[in-house]
Amino acid sequence: MTITELFKAGLEREVPITRRVVENVPEGKPDWRPHAKSMPLGYLSTLVAEMPGWVAMAITQDELDLMPGGGKPNRPVYSTRRELLKTLDESAAKSRAALAGTNDAFLMTPWRLLVGGKVVMEAPRHVVIADSLTHLAHHRGQLTVYMRLNEEKVPSVYGPSADDQRF
């Protein structure tokens, strides 16, 4: 199995799990947060829906600057399940296409993360992709806690939940 095939398989495992979570995100509460230091629900749920697209970003871009020009990024925040699911589908489709158009040799080339023009991380693309999928699992788990605190059903993720015994 190639590295590219491994990532394709990982994406195909993680996207349906992410879909189950996004399908249950509380609507109409984009500013809700469990603590003043926590991300707002709308920002977090949008982030989770976009994260499968990070695979494509690591393939199609050589770098990402989180604060270009030193200012804050202007990112959309979605508050409806419909918008979030559309975003998830689009981000997954971009990554499937990017993986189909690359090879293992290219995944060995460097990718950089910048903040305000300064390099804060440089790693081979395959490392960035692997870390992105792990990072998705982290934020998706965080989102399930937000859901529980808002009395929403928490779907099964890697096994049954109190609300979803499908395994």
Protein backbone atom coordinates (compact mmCIF):
# COMPACT_ATOMS: atom_id res chain seq x y z
CA MET A 1 0.00 0.00 0.00
CA THR A 2 1.30 3.45 -0.89
CA ILE A 3 1.23 6.43 1.44
CA THR A 4 -1.32 8.05 -0.83
CA GLU A 5 -3.58 4.99 -0.59
CA LEU A 6 -3.18 4.99 3.18
CA PHE A 7 -4.36 8.61 3.37
CA LYS A 8 -7.26 7.91 0.99
CA ALA A 9 -8.38 5.09 3.29
CA GLY A 10 -7.99 7.29 6.37
CA LEU A 11 -10.05 10.05 4.80
CA GLU A 12 -12.77 7.56 3.86
CA ARG A 13 -12.91 6.39 7.49
CA GLU A 14 -12.91 9.85 9.07
CA VAL A 15 -15.38 11.69 6.82
CA PRO A 16 -18.44 9.54 7.68
CA ILE A 17 -17.62 9.84 11.39
CA THR A 18 -17.32 13.60 11.02
CA ARG A 19 -20.62 13.66 9.13
CA ARG A 20 -22.41 11.91 12.01
CA VAL A 21 -21.09 14.54 14.40
CA VAL A 22 -21.88 17.52 12.16
CA GLU A 23 -25.42 16.21 11.59
CA ASN A 24 -26.06 16.74 15.32
CA VAL A 25 -24.43 20.14 15.88
CA PRO A 26 -26.76 22.50 17.77
CA GLU A 27 -28.16 25.14 15.43
CA GLY A 28 -28.66 28.80 16.20
CA LYS A 29 -25.93 28.96 18.84
CA PRO A 30 -22.81 30.03 16.92
CA ASP A 31 -21.56 32.20 19.79
CA TRP A 32 -22.12 29.62 22.55
CA ARG A 33 -18.99 28.45 24.37
CA PRO A 34 -18.56 26.40 27.54
CA HIS A 35 -15.95 28.80 28.92
CA ALA A 36 -14.66 32.27 28.07
CA LYS A 37 -11.36 30.74 26.88
CA SER A 38 -13.09 28.16 24.65
CA MET A 39 -13.79 28.50 20.94
CA PRO A 40 -17.35 29.50 20.06
CA LEU A 41 -19.53 26.65 18.80
CA GLY A 42 -19.91 28.15 15.32
CA TYR A 43 -16.18 28.54 14.87
CA LEU A 44 -15.46 25.03 16.14
CA SER A 45 -18.14 23.33 14.06
CA THR A 46 -17.01 25.20 10.93
CA LEU A 47 -13.42 24.20 11.66
CA VAL A 48 -14.41 20.53 11.97
CA ALA A 49 -16.36 20.68 8.69
CA GLU A 50 -13.39 22.29 6.89
CA MET A 51 -10.62 20.11 8.31
CA PRO A 52 -10.88 17.20 5.85
CA GLY A 53 -9.88 19.82 3.26
CA TRP A 54 -6.56 20.28 5.00
CA VAL A 55 -5.35 17.19 3.15
CA ALA A 56 -5.89 19.04 -0.14
CA MET A 57 -4.25 22.18 1.26
CA ALA A 58 -1.11 20.21 2.15
CA ILE A 59 -0.97 18.92 -1.42
CA THR A 60 -2.04 21.93 -3.48
CA GLN A 61 -0.36 24.72 -1.50
CA ASP A 62 3.26 25.01 -0.43
CA GLU A 63 2.40 26.95 2.72
CA LEU A 64 -0.32 28.60 4.75
CA ASP A 65 -0.04 31.87 6.62
CA LEU A 66 -2.55 31.96 9.48
CA MET A 67 -2.18 35.71 9.90
CA PRO A 68 -1.16 37.18 6.55
CA GLY A 69 -0.10 40.76 6.94
CA GLY A 70 -0.20 40.30 10.72
CA GLY A 71 -4.00 40.62 10.93
CA LYS A 72 -6.64 38.15 11.97
CA PRO A 73 -7.93 35.80 9.28
CA ASN A 74 -11.42 36.48 8.00
CA ARG A 75 -13.00 33.03 7.98
CA PRO A 76 -16.66 32.14 7.52
CA VAL A 77 -18.61 30.73 10.45
CA TYR A 78 -21.59 28.51 9.66
CA SER A 79 -24.42 27.98 12.09
CA THR A 80 -26.73 25.56 10.26
CA ARG A 81 -26.22 21.85 9.79
CA ARG A 82 -26.96 22.27 6.10
CA GLU A 83 -24.11 24.77 5.65
CA LEU A 84 -21.76 22.62 7.71
CA LEU A 85 -22.57 19.44 5.77
CA LYS A 86 -22.08 21.25 2.46
CA THR A 87 -18.71 22.52 3.69
CA LEU A 88 -17.74 19.02 4.85
CA ASP A 89 -18.70 17.47 1.50
CA GLU A 90 -16.77 20.11 -0.44
CA SER A 91 -13.66 19.82 1.73
CA ALA A 92 -13.65 16.02 1.47
CA ALA A 93 -14.12 16.18 -2.32
CA LYS A 94 -11.16 18.54 -2.67
CA SER A 95 -8.96 16.19 -0.66
CA ARG A 96 -10.05 13.11 -2.61
CA ALA A 97 -9.19 14.91 -5.85
CA ALA A 98 -5.85 16.14 -4.50
CA LEU A 99 -4.89 12.65 -3.32
CA ALA A 100 -5.88 11.19 -6.69
CA GLY A 101 -3.58 13.68 -8.41
CA THR A 102 -0.46 13.22 -6.32
CA ASN A 103 2.09 10.54 -5.53
CA ASP A 104 4.22 9.41 -2.62
CA ALA A 105 7.33 11.20 -3.90
CA PHE A 106 5.51 14.54 -3.83
CA LEU A 107 4.27 13.85 -0.30
CA MET A 108 7.92 13.80 0.80
CA THR A 109 8.40 17.45 -0.21
CA PRO A 110 8.27 20.21 2.42
CA TRP A 111 5.23 22.21 3.47
CA ARG A 112 5.29 25.27 5.73
CA LEU A 113 2.97 26.90 8.25
CA LEU A 114 3.50 30.61 8.83
CA VAL A 115 2.09 33.16 11.24
CA GLY A 116 2.47 36.75 10.12
CA GLY A 117 5.09 35.72 7.56
CA LYS A 118 7.22 33.79 10.06
CA VAL A 119 7.71 30.05 9.63
CA VAL A 120 6.41 28.25 12.72
CA MET A 121 6.51 24.74 11.26
CA GLU A 122 8.05 22.99 8.30
CA ALA A 123 7.52 19.31 7.66
CA PRO A 124 7.10 16.85 4.80
CA ARG A 125 3.58 16.93 3.36
CA HIS A 126 2.90 13.36 4.50
CA VAL A 127 3.53 14.43 8.11
CA VAL A 128 1.24 17.44 7.72
CA ILE A 129 -1.52 15.23 6.31
CA ALA A 130 -1.18 12.63 9.08
CA ASP A 131 -1.22 15.37 11.71
CA SER A 132 -4.27 16.95 10.06
CA LEU A 133 -6.29 13.76 10.40
CA THR A 134 -5.27 13.45 14.05
CA HIS A 135 -6.09 17.11 14.61
CA LEU A 136 -9.54 16.50 13.08
CA ALA A 137 -10.20 13.73 15.60
CA HIS A 138 -9.19 16.08 18.43
CA HIS A 139 -11.52 18.92 17.42
CA ARG A 140 -14.33 16.53 16.55
CA GLY A 141 -14.08 15.13 20.09
CA GLN A 142 -14.14 18.66 21.47
CA LEU A 143 -17.27 19.30 19.43
CA THR A 144 -19.00 16.24 20.90
CA VAL A 145 -18.45 17.69 24.38
CA TYR A 146 -20.08 20.95 23.25
CA MET A 147 -22.98 18.87 21.92
CA ARG A 148 -23.43 17.03 25.21
CA LEU A 149 -23.38 20.32 27.13
CA ASN A 150 -26.16 21.56 24.82
CA GLU A 151 -28.31 18.45 25.38
CA GLU A 152 -27.80 17.24 21.80
CA LYS A 153 -27.40 13.57 20.98
CA VAL A 154 -23.78 12.49 20.64
CA PRO A 155 -23.33 10.00 17.81
CA SER A 156 -21.03 7.01 17.86
CA VAL A 157 -17.53 7.95 16.81
CA TYR A 158 -15.06 5.08 17.28
CA GLY A 159 -17.51 3.09 19.33
CA PRO A 160 -20.94 3.48 20.91
CA SER A 161 -22.00 6.59 22.77
CA ALA A 162 -24.70 6.93 25.42
CA ASP A 163 -27.02 8.11 22.63
CA ASP A 164 -25.94 5.89 19.74
CA GLN A 165 -25.37 2.17 20.28
CA ARG A 166 -24.83 1.26 16.61
CA PHE A 167 -21.70 -0.83 17.33
